Amino acid sequence: MPTINVYNMEGKVCGDIALSDKIFSAEVNKTVLHSVVRAYLLNQRQGTQSTLTRSEVSGGGRKPWKQKGTGRARQGSIRSPQWTHGGIALGPKPRSYRVSINKKVKQIAMFSALSSKVASGELIVVDNITLDEYKTKKIITMLSALGADKKVLIVLPEANKMVVKSAANIPGVITAPVNALNVYDILKYNKLIIVKDAVAKLEEVYA
């Protein structure tokens, strides 16, 4: 059972926390992580791109010239793909890119992602994040004190409008409630700052 320090907003150690072996000390399965991240990215695609075929482009109802005797290549329509303003041959049409991943695989991927952060020292647990007003400077100060000066994911036990808006203007920093946490974001960001209560919720859900 890994034990790591708990910090306050000033970057000082204010205790420690024992993390669940099942969630934070699991074997990192790279194959599963790849599958889940790929599925996540594919599921973000809208699949609404559409090109017009020769039958959908306006015009071209009349044969441009007679079949024989002109010395030019035979043409049936000025909306054939080889013509300027013609239809598109074999272009994209609306389709679904959706990929389904079963629940057990998603869970293994979540454990692998969280465990990789613990193993690499990129998971920081904070006692609490409290703000009395909307103040981006306070979040920047906290990140600096915690040594998280690059891409950071802040995980909250629940949506906190004041923290979310205060962090929104900081480049490379996003916030997420624990129930919206996903594998892609965990792996994408260099540091994972998670509130102590959010750790308890994670262990409650998965353990």
N, C-alpha and C. Protein backbone atom coordinates (compact mmCIF):
# COMPACT_ATOMS: atom_id res chain seq x y z
N MET A 1 0.85 -1.20 0.00
CA MET A 1 0.00 0.00 0.00
C MET A 1 0.89 1.25 0.00
N PRO A 2 0.98 1.97 -1.14
CA PRO A 2 1.85 3.15 -1.20
C PRO A 2 1.35 4.28 -0.31
N THR A 3 2.27 4.93 0.37
CA THR A 3 1.94 6.08 1.22
C THR A 3 2.67 7.30 0.66
N ILE A 4 1.93 8.37 0.43
CA ILE A 4 2.54 9.60 -0.10
C ILE A 4 2.13 10.78 0.76
N ASN A 5 2.90 11.85 0.64
CA ASN A 5 2.64 13.06 1.44
C ASN A 5 1.39 13.78 0.95
N VAL A 6 0.75 14.46 1.89
CA VAL A 6 -0.37 15.34 1.57
C VAL A 6 0.09 16.76 1.80
N TYR A 7 -0.15 17.63 0.81
CA TYR A 7 0.31 19.02 0.89
C TYR A 7 -0.87 19.97 1.07
N ASN A 8 -0.57 21.15 1.61
CA ASN A 8 -1.58 22.20 1.63
C ASN A 8 -1.35 23.13 0.45
N MET A 9 -2.13 24.19 0.33
CA MET A 9 -2.03 25.07 -0.83
C MET A 9 -0.72 25.87 -0.86
N GLU A 10 -0.04 25.91 0.28
CA GLU A 10 1.25 26.62 0.34
C GLU A 10 2.42 25.71 -0.03
N GLY A 11 2.12 24.44 -0.33
CA GLY A 11 3.17 23.51 -0.72
C GLY A 11 3.87 22.84 0.44
N LYS A 12 3.32 22.98 1.64
CA LYS A 12 3.92 22.38 2.84
C LYS A 12 3.25 21.04 3.15
N VAL A 13 4.04 20.09 3.62
CA VAL A 13 3.50 18.78 3.99
C VAL A 13 2.65 18.92 5.25
N CYS A 14 1.42 18.43 5.17
CA CYS A 14 0.52 18.53 6.32
C CYS A 14 0.01 17.15 6.76
N GLY A 15 0.63 16.10 6.24
CA GLY A 15 0.24 14.75 6.62
C GLY A 15 0.62 13.76 5.53
N ASP A 16 0.07 12.57 5.61
CA ASP A 16 0.29 11.59 4.55
C ASP A 16 -0.99 10.78 4.35
N ILE A 17 -1.00 10.03 3.29
CA ILE A 17 -2.18 9.23 2.96
C ILE A 17 -1.75 7.88 2.38
N ALA A 18 -2.41 6.82 2.83
CA ALA A 18 -2.15 5.49 2.30
C ALA A 18 -3.10 5.23 1.15
N LEU A 19 -2.55 4.95 0.00
CA LEU A 19 -3.36 4.75 -1.21
C LEU A 19 -3.67 3.27 -1.41
N SER A 20 -4.80 3.01 -2.01
CA SER A 20 -5.23 1.64 -2.27
C SER A 20 -4.29 0.95 -3.27
N ASP A 21 -3.85 -0.25 -2.93
CA ASP A 21 -2.99 -1.03 -3.83
C ASP A 21 -3.70 -1.33 -5.14
N LYS A 22 -4.97 -1.64 -5.05
CA LYS A 22 -5.75 -2.04 -6.22
C LYS A 22 -5.81 -0.92 -7.27
N ILE A 23 -5.91 0.32 -6.79
CA ILE A 23 -6.10 1.45 -7.70
C ILE A 23 -4.79 2.15 -8.06
N PHE A 24 -3.93 2.34 -7.06
CA PHE A 24 -2.75 3.17 -7.24
C PHE A 24 -1.43 2.39 -7.31
N SER A 25 -1.53 1.07 -7.22
CA SER A 25 -0.29 0.28 -7.30
C SER A 25 -0.49 -0.94 -8.20
N ALA A 26 -1.30 -0.76 -9.23
CA ALA A 26 -1.60 -1.85 -10.15
C ALA A 26 -0.51 -1.95 -11.22
N GLU A 27 -0.48 -3.09 -11.89
CA GLU A 27 0.45 -3.26 -13.01
C GLU A 27 -0.01 -2.39 -14.18
N VAL A 28 0.91 -1.66 -14.77
CA VAL A 28 0.55 -0.76 -15.88
C VAL A 28 0.43 -1.57 -17.17
N ASN A 29 -0.78 -1.63 -17.70
CA ASN A 29 -1.06 -2.40 -18.92
C ASN A 29 -1.10 -1.43 -20.11
N LYS A 30 -0.01 -1.34 -20.84
CA LYS A 30 0.10 -0.37 -21.93
C LYS A 30 -0.85 -0.69 -23.09
N THR A 31 -1.09 -1.98 -23.30
CA THR A 31 -1.99 -2.38 -24.40
C THR A 31 -3.41 -1.88 -24.14
N VAL A 32 -3.86 -2.05 -22.90
CA VAL A 32 -5.20 -1.59 -22.53
C VAL A 32 -5.27 -0.06 -22.57
N LEU A 33 -4.22 0.59 -22.09
CA LEU A 33 -4.20 2.06 -22.13
C LEU A 33 -4.32 2.57 -23.56
N HIS A 34 -3.59 1.93 -24.48
CA HIS A 34 -3.65 2.32 -25.89
C HIS A 34 -5.06 2.16 -26.44
N SER A 35 -5.70 1.04 -26.13
CA SER A 35 -7.05 0.77 -26.64
C SER A 35 -8.06 1.79 -26.13
N VAL A 36 -7.96 2.11 -24.84
CA VAL A 36 -8.93 3.03 -24.24
C VAL A 36 -8.71 4.46 -24.73
N VAL A 37 -7.46 4.89 -24.85
CA VAL A 37 -7.18 6.24 -25.34
C VAL A 37 -7.62 6.37 -26.80
N ARG A 38 -7.35 5.35 -27.60
CA ARG A 38 -7.77 5.36 -29.01
C ARG A 38 -9.29 5.47 -29.11
N ALA A 39 -9.99 4.68 -28.30
CA ALA A 39 -11.46 4.71 -28.31
C ALA A 39 -11.98 6.08 -27.88
N TYR A 40 -11.33 6.66 -26.87
CA TYR A 40 -11.75 7.99 -26.39
C TYR A 40 -11.63 9.03 -27.50
N LEU A 41 -10.48 9.02 -28.21
CA LEU A 41 -10.26 10.00 -29.27
C LEU A 41 -11.21 9.78 -30.45
N LEU A 42 -11.45 8.53 -30.79
CA LEU A 42 -12.38 8.24 -31.89
C LEU A 42 -13.79 8.69 -31.53
N ASN A 43 -14.17 8.51 -30.27
CA ASN A 43 -15.52 8.88 -29.85
C ASN A 43 -15.73 10.39 -29.78
N GLN A 44 -14.63 11.15 -29.83
CA GLN A 44 -14.76 12.61 -29.88
C GLN A 44 -15.09 13.10 -31.29
N ARG A 45 -14.87 12.24 -32.28
CA ARG A 45 -15.10 12.66 -33.66
C ARG A 45 -16.59 12.72 -33.96
N GLN A 46 -17.02 13.77 -34.62
CA GLN A 46 -18.44 13.92 -34.94
C GLN A 46 -18.83 13.10 -36.16
N GLY A 47 -17.91 12.94 -37.09
CA GLY A 47 -18.22 12.15 -38.29
C GLY A 47 -19.27 12.81 -39.17
N THR A 48 -19.28 14.14 -39.20
CA THR A 48 -20.31 14.85 -39.98
C THR A 48 -19.79 15.36 -41.32
N GLN A 49 -18.51 15.09 -41.64
CA GLN A 49 -17.97 15.60 -42.89
C GLN A 49 -18.68 14.96 -44.08
N SER A 50 -18.92 15.76 -45.11
CA SER A 50 -19.67 15.24 -46.26
C SER A 50 -19.29 16.00 -47.52
N THR A 51 -19.01 15.26 -48.59
CA THR A 51 -18.74 15.88 -49.88
C THR A 51 -19.87 15.55 -50.85
N LEU A 52 -20.00 16.35 -51.90
CA LEU A 52 -21.06 16.14 -52.88
C LEU A 52 -20.57 15.26 -54.01
N THR A 53 -21.34 14.24 -54.33
CA THR A 53 -21.03 13.40 -55.48
C THR A 53 -21.55 14.08 -56.74
N ARG A 54 -21.26 13.49 -57.90
CA ARG A 54 -21.69 14.11 -59.16
C ARG A 54 -23.21 14.22 -59.26
N SER A 55 -23.92 13.35 -58.59
CA SER A 55 -25.39 13.40 -58.66
C SER A 55 -25.95 14.48 -57.73
N GLU A 56 -25.13 14.98 -56.79
CA GLU A 56 -25.61 15.96 -55.82
C GLU A 56 -25.20 17.39 -56.16
N VAL A 57 -24.23 17.57 -57.09
CA VAL A 57 -23.81 18.92 -57.48
C VAL A 57 -24.83 19.50 -58.44
N SER A 58 -25.16 20.78 -58.25
CA SER A 58 -26.18 21.39 -59.13
C SER A 58 -25.61 21.61 -60.53
N GLY A 59 -26.45 21.51 -61.51
CA GLY A 59 -26.06 21.72 -62.91
C GLY A 59 -25.66 20.41 -63.58
N GLY A 60 -25.21 20.54 -64.82
CA GLY A 60 -24.71 19.37 -65.53
C GLY A 60 -25.78 18.45 -66.08
N GLY A 61 -26.97 18.96 -66.25
CA GLY A 61 -28.04 18.09 -66.75
C GLY A 61 -27.96 17.81 -68.24
N ARG A 62 -27.23 18.67 -68.96
CA ARG A 62 -27.16 18.52 -70.42
C ARG A 62 -25.78 18.03 -70.82
N LYS A 63 -25.71 17.18 -71.81
CA LYS A 63 -24.43 16.72 -72.35
C LYS A 63 -23.71 17.93 -72.96
N PRO A 64 -22.45 18.19 -72.54
CA PRO A 64 -21.79 19.45 -72.97
C PRO A 64 -21.56 19.56 -74.47
N TRP A 65 -21.29 18.46 -75.15
CA TRP A 65 -21.16 18.46 -76.61
C TRP A 65 -21.49 17.07 -77.13
N LYS A 66 -21.67 16.98 -78.44
CA LYS A 66 -22.07 15.70 -79.00
C LYS A 66 -20.96 14.66 -78.83
N GLN A 67 -21.36 13.40 -78.90
CA GLN A 67 -20.43 12.30 -78.59
C GLN A 67 -19.26 12.24 -79.59
N LYS A 68 -19.54 12.42 -80.85
CA LYS A 68 -18.50 12.21 -81.87
C LYS A 68 -18.31 13.46 -82.75
N GLY A 69 -17.17 13.51 -83.38
CA GLY A 69 -16.95 14.52 -84.41
C GLY A 69 -16.36 15.84 -83.94
N THR A 70 -16.15 16.03 -82.66
CA THR A 70 -15.62 17.32 -82.20
C THR A 70 -14.11 17.28 -82.01
N GLY A 71 -13.53 16.10 -81.93
CA GLY A 71 -12.09 15.97 -81.67
C GLY A 71 -11.75 16.04 -80.19
N ARG A 72 -12.76 16.27 -79.39
CA ARG A 72 -12.52 16.32 -77.95
C ARG A 72 -12.97 15.01 -77.30
N ALA A 73 -12.51 14.80 -76.07
CA ALA A 73 -12.90 13.59 -75.35
C ALA A 73 -14.39 13.62 -75.07
N ARG A 74 -14.98 12.45 -75.10
CA ARG A 74 -16.42 12.37 -74.85
C ARG A 74 -16.73 12.72 -73.39
N GLN A 75 -17.79 13.49 -73.22
CA GLN A 75 -18.21 13.90 -71.88
C GLN A 75 -19.72 13.78 -71.77
N GLY A 76 -20.15 13.34 -70.59
CA GLY A 76 -21.60 13.21 -70.39
C GLY A 76 -22.16 14.31 -69.52
N SER A 77 -21.28 14.96 -68.74
CA SER A 77 -21.76 15.98 -67.81
C SER A 77 -20.59 16.88 -67.41
N ILE A 78 -20.89 18.15 -67.19
CA ILE A 78 -19.85 19.07 -66.71
C ILE A 78 -19.69 18.97 -65.20
N ARG A 79 -20.41 18.05 -64.60
CA ARG A 79 -20.30 17.85 -63.15
C ARG A 79 -19.61 16.52 -62.81
N SER A 80 -18.93 15.93 -63.80
CA SER A 80 -18.12 14.73 -63.54
C SER A 80 -16.92 15.12 -62.67
N PRO A 81 -16.35 14.19 -61.93
CA PRO A 81 -15.26 14.52 -60.99
C PRO A 81 -14.04 15.20 -61.62
N GLN A 82 -13.77 14.94 -62.92
CA GLN A 82 -12.57 15.54 -63.52
C GLN A 82 -12.78 17.01 -63.90
N TRP A 83 -14.00 17.50 -63.81
CA TRP A 83 -14.28 18.89 -64.15
C TRP A 83 -14.15 19.79 -62.91
N THR A 84 -13.70 21.05 -63.16
CA THR A 84 -13.75 22.05 -62.09
C THR A 84 -15.20 22.26 -61.69
N HIS A 85 -15.46 22.32 -60.41
CA HIS A 85 -16.81 22.43 -59.85
C HIS A 85 -17.61 21.15 -60.01
N GLY A 86 -16.93 20.07 -60.38
CA GLY A 86 -17.62 18.79 -60.50
C GLY A 86 -17.77 18.12 -59.14
N GLY A 87 -18.41 16.95 -59.15
CA GLY A 87 -18.59 16.21 -57.91
C GLY A 87 -17.28 15.61 -57.42
N ILE A 88 -17.26 15.14 -56.20
CA ILE A 88 -16.08 14.52 -55.60
C ILE A 88 -16.23 13.00 -55.68
N ALA A 89 -15.20 12.35 -56.23
CA ALA A 89 -15.24 10.89 -56.32
C ALA A 89 -14.71 10.28 -55.02
N LEU A 90 -15.46 9.37 -54.44
CA LEU A 90 -15.03 8.63 -53.25
C LEU A 90 -14.69 9.54 -52.06
N GLY A 91 -15.40 10.65 -51.93
CA GLY A 91 -15.17 11.56 -50.81
C GLY A 91 -15.84 11.06 -49.54
N PRO A 92 -15.53 11.69 -48.39
CA PRO A 92 -16.12 11.26 -47.12
C PRO A 92 -17.60 11.57 -47.03
N LYS A 93 -18.31 10.70 -46.36
CA LYS A 93 -19.74 10.86 -46.09
C LYS A 93 -19.96 10.70 -44.59
N PRO A 94 -21.04 11.21 -44.03
CA PRO A 94 -21.27 11.07 -42.59
C PRO A 94 -21.20 9.61 -42.14
N ARG A 95 -20.48 9.39 -41.05
CA ARG A 95 -20.35 8.04 -40.50
C ARG A 95 -20.06 8.13 -39.02
N SER A 96 -20.26 7.07 -38.31
CA SER A 96 -19.96 7.03 -36.88
C SER A 96 -18.60 6.37 -36.67
N TYR A 97 -17.77 7.02 -35.86
CA TYR A 97 -16.45 6.47 -35.52
C TYR A 97 -16.49 5.76 -34.16
N ARG A 98 -17.65 5.64 -33.59
CA ARG A 98 -17.79 5.17 -32.21
C ARG A 98 -17.19 3.79 -32.00
N VAL A 99 -16.43 3.67 -30.91
CA VAL A 99 -15.83 2.39 -30.51
C VAL A 99 -16.28 2.09 -29.09
N SER A 100 -16.73 0.89 -28.84
CA SER A 100 -17.19 0.50 -27.51
C SER A 100 -16.08 -0.22 -26.76
N ILE A 101 -15.92 0.14 -25.51
CA ILE A 101 -14.95 -0.52 -24.63
C ILE A 101 -15.73 -1.03 -23.43
N ASN A 102 -15.50 -2.29 -23.07
CA ASN A 102 -16.29 -2.81 -21.96
C ASN A 102 -15.81 -2.26 -20.62
N LYS A 103 -16.66 -2.38 -19.62
CA LYS A 103 -16.45 -1.75 -18.31
C LYS A 103 -15.16 -2.22 -17.63
N LYS A 104 -14.89 -3.51 -17.73
CA LYS A 104 -13.72 -4.07 -17.06
C LYS A 104 -12.42 -3.52 -17.65
N VAL A 105 -12.38 -3.38 -18.96
CA VAL A 105 -11.19 -2.84 -19.63
C VAL A 105 -10.98 -1.37 -19.25
N LYS A 106 -12.09 -0.61 -19.18
CA LYS A 106 -11.99 0.79 -18.75
C LYS A 106 -11.42 0.90 -17.35
N GLN A 107 -11.85 -0.01 -16.48
CA GLN A 107 -11.38 0.00 -15.10
C GLN A 107 -9.89 -0.32 -15.02
N ILE A 108 -9.45 -1.33 -15.79
CA ILE A 108 -8.02 -1.68 -15.82
C ILE A 108 -7.20 -0.49 -16.33
N ALA A 109 -7.71 0.20 -17.34
CA ALA A 109 -7.02 1.36 -17.89
C ALA A 109 -6.92 2.49 -16.86
N MET A 110 -7.99 2.72 -16.11
CA MET A 110 -7.98 3.75 -15.08
C MET A 110 -6.95 3.44 -14.00
N PHE A 111 -6.92 2.17 -13.56
CA PHE A 111 -5.94 1.76 -12.54
C PHE A 111 -4.51 1.91 -13.07
N SER A 112 -4.31 1.53 -14.34
CA SER A 112 -2.98 1.63 -14.95
C SER A 112 -2.52 3.08 -15.04
N ALA A 113 -3.44 3.97 -15.44
CA ALA A 113 -3.09 5.39 -15.58
C ALA A 113 -2.74 6.01 -14.23
N LEU A 114 -3.56 5.74 -13.22
CA LEU A 114 -3.31 6.30 -11.89
C LEU A 114 -2.02 5.73 -11.28
N SER A 115 -1.81 4.43 -11.48
CA SER A 115 -0.61 3.78 -10.93
C SER A 115 0.65 4.32 -11.60
N SER A 116 0.57 4.62 -12.90
CA SER A 116 1.74 5.15 -13.61
C SER A 116 2.11 6.53 -13.07
N LYS A 117 1.10 7.31 -12.68
CA LYS A 117 1.36 8.64 -12.11
C LYS A 117 2.04 8.53 -10.74
N VAL A 118 1.59 7.57 -9.94
CA VAL A 118 2.20 7.36 -8.62
C VAL A 118 3.64 6.89 -8.80
N ALA A 119 3.84 5.93 -9.70
CA ALA A 119 5.18 5.35 -9.91
C ALA A 119 6.18 6.39 -10.40
N SER A 120 5.71 7.35 -11.20
CA SER A 120 6.62 8.36 -11.75
C SER A 120 6.69 9.63 -10.90
N GLY A 121 6.01 9.62 -9.76
CA GLY A 121 6.04 10.77 -8.86
C GLY A 121 5.28 11.97 -9.39
N GLU A 122 4.31 11.74 -10.26
CA GLU A 122 3.56 12.84 -10.87
C GLU A 122 2.19 13.04 -10.25
N LEU A 123 1.88 12.31 -9.18
CA LEU A 123 0.60 12.48 -8.49
C LEU A 123 0.85 13.25 -7.19
N ILE A 124 0.12 14.35 -7.02
CA ILE A 124 0.25 15.19 -5.83
C ILE A 124 -1.12 15.26 -5.15
N VAL A 125 -1.15 14.89 -3.88
CA VAL A 125 -2.40 14.97 -3.11
C VAL A 125 -2.37 16.23 -2.26
N VAL A 126 -3.44 17.03 -2.37
CA VAL A 126 -3.55 18.24 -1.55
C VAL A 126 -4.70 18.07 -0.56
N ASP A 127 -4.54 18.67 0.59
CA ASP A 127 -5.53 18.54 1.65
C ASP A 127 -6.87 19.13 1.22
N ASN A 128 -6.83 20.31 0.63
CA ASN A 128 -8.06 20.97 0.18
C ASN A 128 -7.69 22.15 -0.71
N ILE A 129 -8.59 22.53 -1.59
CA ILE A 129 -8.40 23.74 -2.40
C ILE A 129 -9.60 24.64 -2.13
N THR A 130 -9.37 25.68 -1.37
CA THR A 130 -10.45 26.60 -1.02
C THR A 130 -10.10 28.01 -1.45
N LEU A 131 -11.07 28.69 -2.03
CA LEU A 131 -10.89 30.09 -2.46
C LEU A 131 -12.06 30.91 -1.94
N ASP A 132 -11.76 32.13 -1.48
CA ASP A 132 -12.82 33.03 -1.01
C ASP A 132 -13.36 33.90 -2.13
N GLU A 133 -12.60 33.96 -3.23
CA GLU A 133 -13.01 34.78 -4.36
C GLU A 133 -12.42 34.19 -5.65
N TYR A 134 -12.90 34.68 -6.77
CA TYR A 134 -12.34 34.24 -8.05
C TYR A 134 -10.96 34.87 -8.20
N LYS A 135 -9.92 34.07 -8.08
CA LYS A 135 -8.57 34.62 -8.10
C LYS A 135 -7.62 33.64 -8.77
N THR A 136 -7.29 33.93 -10.03
CA THR A 136 -6.36 33.08 -10.78
C THR A 136 -4.98 33.06 -10.13
N LYS A 137 -4.59 34.19 -9.56
CA LYS A 137 -3.26 34.31 -8.96
C LYS A 137 -3.06 33.29 -7.83
N LYS A 138 -4.11 33.01 -7.09
CA LYS A 138 -3.99 32.06 -5.97
C LYS A 138 -3.73 30.64 -6.49
N ILE A 139 -4.36 30.29 -7.59
CA ILE A 139 -4.14 28.96 -8.19
C ILE A 139 -2.71 28.87 -8.74
N ILE A 140 -2.25 29.95 -9.38
CA ILE A 140 -0.88 29.98 -9.91
C ILE A 140 0.14 29.83 -8.77
N THR A 141 -0.12 30.53 -7.67
CA THR A 141 0.77 30.44 -6.50
C THR A 141 0.81 29.03 -5.95
N MET A 142 -0.37 28.40 -5.89
CA MET A 142 -0.45 27.02 -5.39
C MET A 142 0.33 26.07 -6.29
N LEU A 143 0.15 26.20 -7.59
CA LEU A 143 0.84 25.32 -8.54
C LEU A 143 2.36 25.49 -8.44
N SER A 144 2.79 26.73 -8.29
CA SER A 144 4.21 27.00 -8.16
C SER A 144 4.77 26.38 -6.88
N ALA A 145 4.01 26.48 -5.78
CA ALA A 145 4.45 25.92 -4.51
C ALA A 145 4.52 24.39 -4.55
N LEU A 146 3.67 23.79 -5.37
CA LEU A 146 3.63 22.33 -5.49
C LEU A 146 4.59 21.81 -6.56
N GLY A 147 5.26 22.72 -7.25
CA GLY A 147 6.19 22.30 -8.30
C GLY A 147 5.50 21.80 -9.55
N ALA A 148 4.28 22.28 -9.78
CA ALA A 148 3.52 21.86 -10.96
C ALA A 148 3.42 23.05 -11.91
N ASP A 149 4.48 23.28 -12.68
CA ASP A 149 4.52 24.47 -13.53
C ASP A 149 4.31 24.18 -15.01
N LYS A 150 3.93 22.94 -15.33
CA LYS A 150 3.66 22.61 -16.73
C LYS A 150 2.19 22.25 -16.91
N LYS A 151 1.91 21.22 -17.68
CA LYS A 151 0.52 20.83 -17.91
C LYS A 151 -0.02 20.11 -16.67
N VAL A 152 -1.12 20.63 -16.12
CA VAL A 152 -1.62 20.12 -14.84
C VAL A 152 -3.12 19.81 -14.94
N LEU A 153 -3.48 18.66 -14.37
CA LEU A 153 -4.89 18.29 -14.23
C LEU A 153 -5.22 18.33 -12.74
N ILE A 154 -6.18 19.18 -12.37
CA ILE A 154 -6.61 19.30 -10.97
C ILE A 154 -7.93 18.54 -10.81
N VAL A 155 -7.92 17.54 -9.95
CA VAL A 155 -9.12 16.71 -9.74
C VAL A 155 -9.79 17.10 -8.42
N LEU A 156 -11.05 17.49 -8.52
CA LEU A 156 -11.81 17.94 -7.37
C LEU A 156 -12.83 16.87 -6.96
N PRO A 157 -13.21 16.82 -5.67
CA PRO A 157 -14.21 15.83 -5.26
C PRO A 157 -15.57 16.09 -5.91
N GLU A 158 -15.86 17.34 -6.19
CA GLU A 158 -17.09 17.71 -6.90
C GLU A 158 -16.85 19.04 -7.60
N ALA A 159 -17.73 19.39 -8.50
CA ALA A 159 -17.56 20.64 -9.26
C ALA A 159 -17.54 21.84 -8.31
N ASN A 160 -16.51 22.66 -8.43
CA ASN A 160 -16.36 23.86 -7.60
C ASN A 160 -16.19 25.04 -8.55
N LYS A 161 -17.25 25.80 -8.70
CA LYS A 161 -17.28 26.88 -9.69
C LYS A 161 -16.14 27.88 -9.49
N MET A 162 -15.83 28.18 -8.23
CA MET A 162 -14.80 29.18 -7.95
C MET A 162 -13.41 28.69 -8.37
N VAL A 163 -13.11 27.43 -8.09
CA VAL A 163 -11.82 26.86 -8.46
C VAL A 163 -11.74 26.69 -9.97
N VAL A 164 -12.81 26.21 -10.57
CA VAL A 164 -12.83 25.98 -12.02
C VAL A 164 -12.59 27.27 -12.79
N LYS A 165 -13.30 28.35 -12.40
CA LYS A 165 -13.16 29.63 -13.11
C LYS A 165 -11.80 30.28 -12.83
N SER A 166 -11.28 30.08 -11.63
CA SER A 166 -9.99 30.68 -11.29
C SER A 166 -8.85 30.01 -12.06
N ALA A 167 -9.02 28.74 -12.40
CA ALA A 167 -7.98 28.00 -13.12
C ALA A 167 -8.16 28.05 -14.63
N ALA A 168 -9.31 28.55 -15.08
CA ALA A 168 -9.65 28.47 -16.50
C ALA A 168 -8.72 29.28 -17.39
N ASN A 169 -8.15 30.37 -16.87
CA ASN A 169 -7.31 31.25 -17.69
C ASN A 169 -5.83 30.85 -17.70
N ILE A 170 -5.49 29.79 -16.98
CA ILE A 170 -4.08 29.39 -16.90
C ILE A 170 -3.78 28.41 -18.03
N PRO A 171 -2.86 28.74 -18.93
CA PRO A 171 -2.55 27.83 -20.04
C PRO A 171 -2.04 26.48 -19.53
N GLY A 172 -2.56 25.40 -20.11
CA GLY A 172 -2.09 24.07 -19.75
C GLY A 172 -2.66 23.50 -18.48
N VAL A 173 -3.65 24.19 -17.88
CA VAL A 173 -4.25 23.72 -16.62
C VAL A 173 -5.74 23.49 -16.84
N ILE A 174 -6.22 22.32 -16.47
CA ILE A 174 -7.66 22.05 -16.52
C ILE A 174 -8.10 21.47 -15.18
N THR A 175 -9.39 21.57 -14.92
CA THR A 175 -9.96 20.99 -13.70
C THR A 175 -11.02 19.97 -14.10
N ALA A 176 -11.24 19.00 -13.22
CA ALA A 176 -12.26 17.99 -13.49
C ALA A 176 -12.78 17.43 -12.17
N PRO A 177 -14.10 17.27 -12.03
CA PRO A 177 -14.61 16.57 -10.85
C PRO A 177 -14.25 15.09 -10.96
N VAL A 178 -14.17 14.42 -9.83
CA VAL A 178 -13.68 13.04 -9.83
C VAL A 178 -14.58 12.11 -10.66
N ASN A 179 -15.88 12.43 -10.76
CA ASN A 179 -16.78 11.57 -11.53
C ASN A 179 -16.65 11.78 -13.05
N ALA A 180 -15.86 12.79 -13.46
CA ALA A 180 -15.65 13.02 -14.90
C ALA A 180 -14.21 12.71 -15.30
N LEU A 181 -13.47 12.08 -14.42
CA LEU A 181 -12.07 11.78 -14.70
C LEU A 181 -11.97 10.72 -15.79
N ASN A 182 -11.04 10.92 -16.72
CA ASN A 182 -10.86 9.93 -17.78
C ASN A 182 -9.38 9.65 -18.02
N VAL A 183 -9.11 8.50 -18.59
CA VAL A 183 -7.74 8.01 -18.78
C VAL A 183 -6.93 8.94 -19.67
N TYR A 184 -7.53 9.45 -20.73
CA TYR A 184 -6.81 10.31 -21.67
C TYR A 184 -6.23 11.54 -20.98
N ASP A 185 -7.05 12.22 -20.16
CA ASP A 185 -6.58 13.41 -19.47
C ASP A 185 -5.50 13.09 -18.44
N ILE A 186 -5.64 11.97 -17.75
CA ILE A 186 -4.64 11.58 -16.75
C ILE A 186 -3.27 11.43 -17.41
N LEU A 187 -3.25 10.78 -18.57
CA LEU A 187 -1.97 10.54 -19.27
C LEU A 187 -1.45 11.79 -19.98
N LYS A 188 -2.35 12.64 -20.42
CA LYS A 188 -1.97 13.81 -21.21
C LYS A 188 -1.21 14.84 -20.38
N TYR A 189 -1.62 15.01 -19.12
CA TYR A 189 -1.05 16.08 -18.29
C TYR A 189 0.13 15.58 -17.46
N ASN A 190 1.15 16.46 -17.32
CA ASN A 190 2.37 16.09 -16.63
C ASN A 190 2.16 15.82 -15.15
N LYS A 191 1.32 16.63 -14.52
CA LYS A 191 1.06 16.49 -13.09
C LYS A 191 -0.42 16.27 -12.84
N LEU A 192 -0.70 15.39 -11.90
CA LEU A 192 -2.08 15.14 -11.49
C LEU A 192 -2.21 15.59 -10.03
N ILE A 193 -2.89 16.71 -9.83
CA ILE A 193 -3.13 17.21 -8.47
C ILE A 193 -4.54 16.80 -8.07
N ILE A 194 -4.64 16.02 -7.02
CA ILE A 194 -5.93 15.48 -6.62
C ILE A 194 -6.21 15.81 -5.15
N VAL A 195 -7.39 16.32 -4.89
CA VAL A 195 -7.79 16.67 -3.53
C VAL A 195 -8.01 15.38 -2.73
N LYS A 196 -7.67 15.43 -1.45
CA LYS A 196 -7.74 14.25 -0.58
C LYS A 196 -9.12 13.60 -0.60
N ASP A 197 -10.17 14.42 -0.57
CA ASP A 197 -11.54 13.88 -0.59
C ASP A 197 -11.84 13.17 -1.91
N ALA A 198 -11.20 13.63 -3.00
CA ALA A 198 -11.40 13.00 -4.30
C ALA A 198 -10.76 11.61 -4.33
N VAL A 199 -9.62 11.46 -3.62
CA VAL A 199 -8.99 10.13 -3.50
C VAL A 199 -9.94 9.17 -2.81
N ALA A 200 -10.57 9.65 -1.73
CA ALA A 200 -11.52 8.82 -0.98
C ALA A 200 -12.69 8.40 -1.87
N LYS A 201 -13.16 9.32 -2.73
CA LYS A 201 -14.27 8.99 -3.62
C LYS A 201 -13.86 7.97 -4.67
N LEU A 202 -12.64 8.13 -5.18
CA LEU A 202 -12.13 7.16 -6.16
C LEU A 202 -12.08 5.76 -5.55
N GLU A 203 -11.55 5.68 -4.34
CA GLU A 203 -11.42 4.38 -3.67
C GLU A 203 -12.79 3.81 -3.32
N GLU A 204 -13.73 4.68 -3.03
CA GLU A 204 -15.10 4.24 -2.72
C GLU A 204 -15.75 3.62 -3.96
N VAL A 205 -15.53 4.26 -5.11
CA VAL A 205 -16.16 3.79 -6.34
C VAL A 205 -15.50 2.49 -6.85
N TYR A 206 -14.17 2.46 -6.87
CA TYR A 206 -13.46 1.34 -7.49
C TYR A 206 -13.07 0.20 -6.56
N ALA A 207 -12.86 0.53 -5.28
CA ALA A 207 -12.42 -0.53 -4.36
C ALA A 207 -13.59 -1.36 -3.85
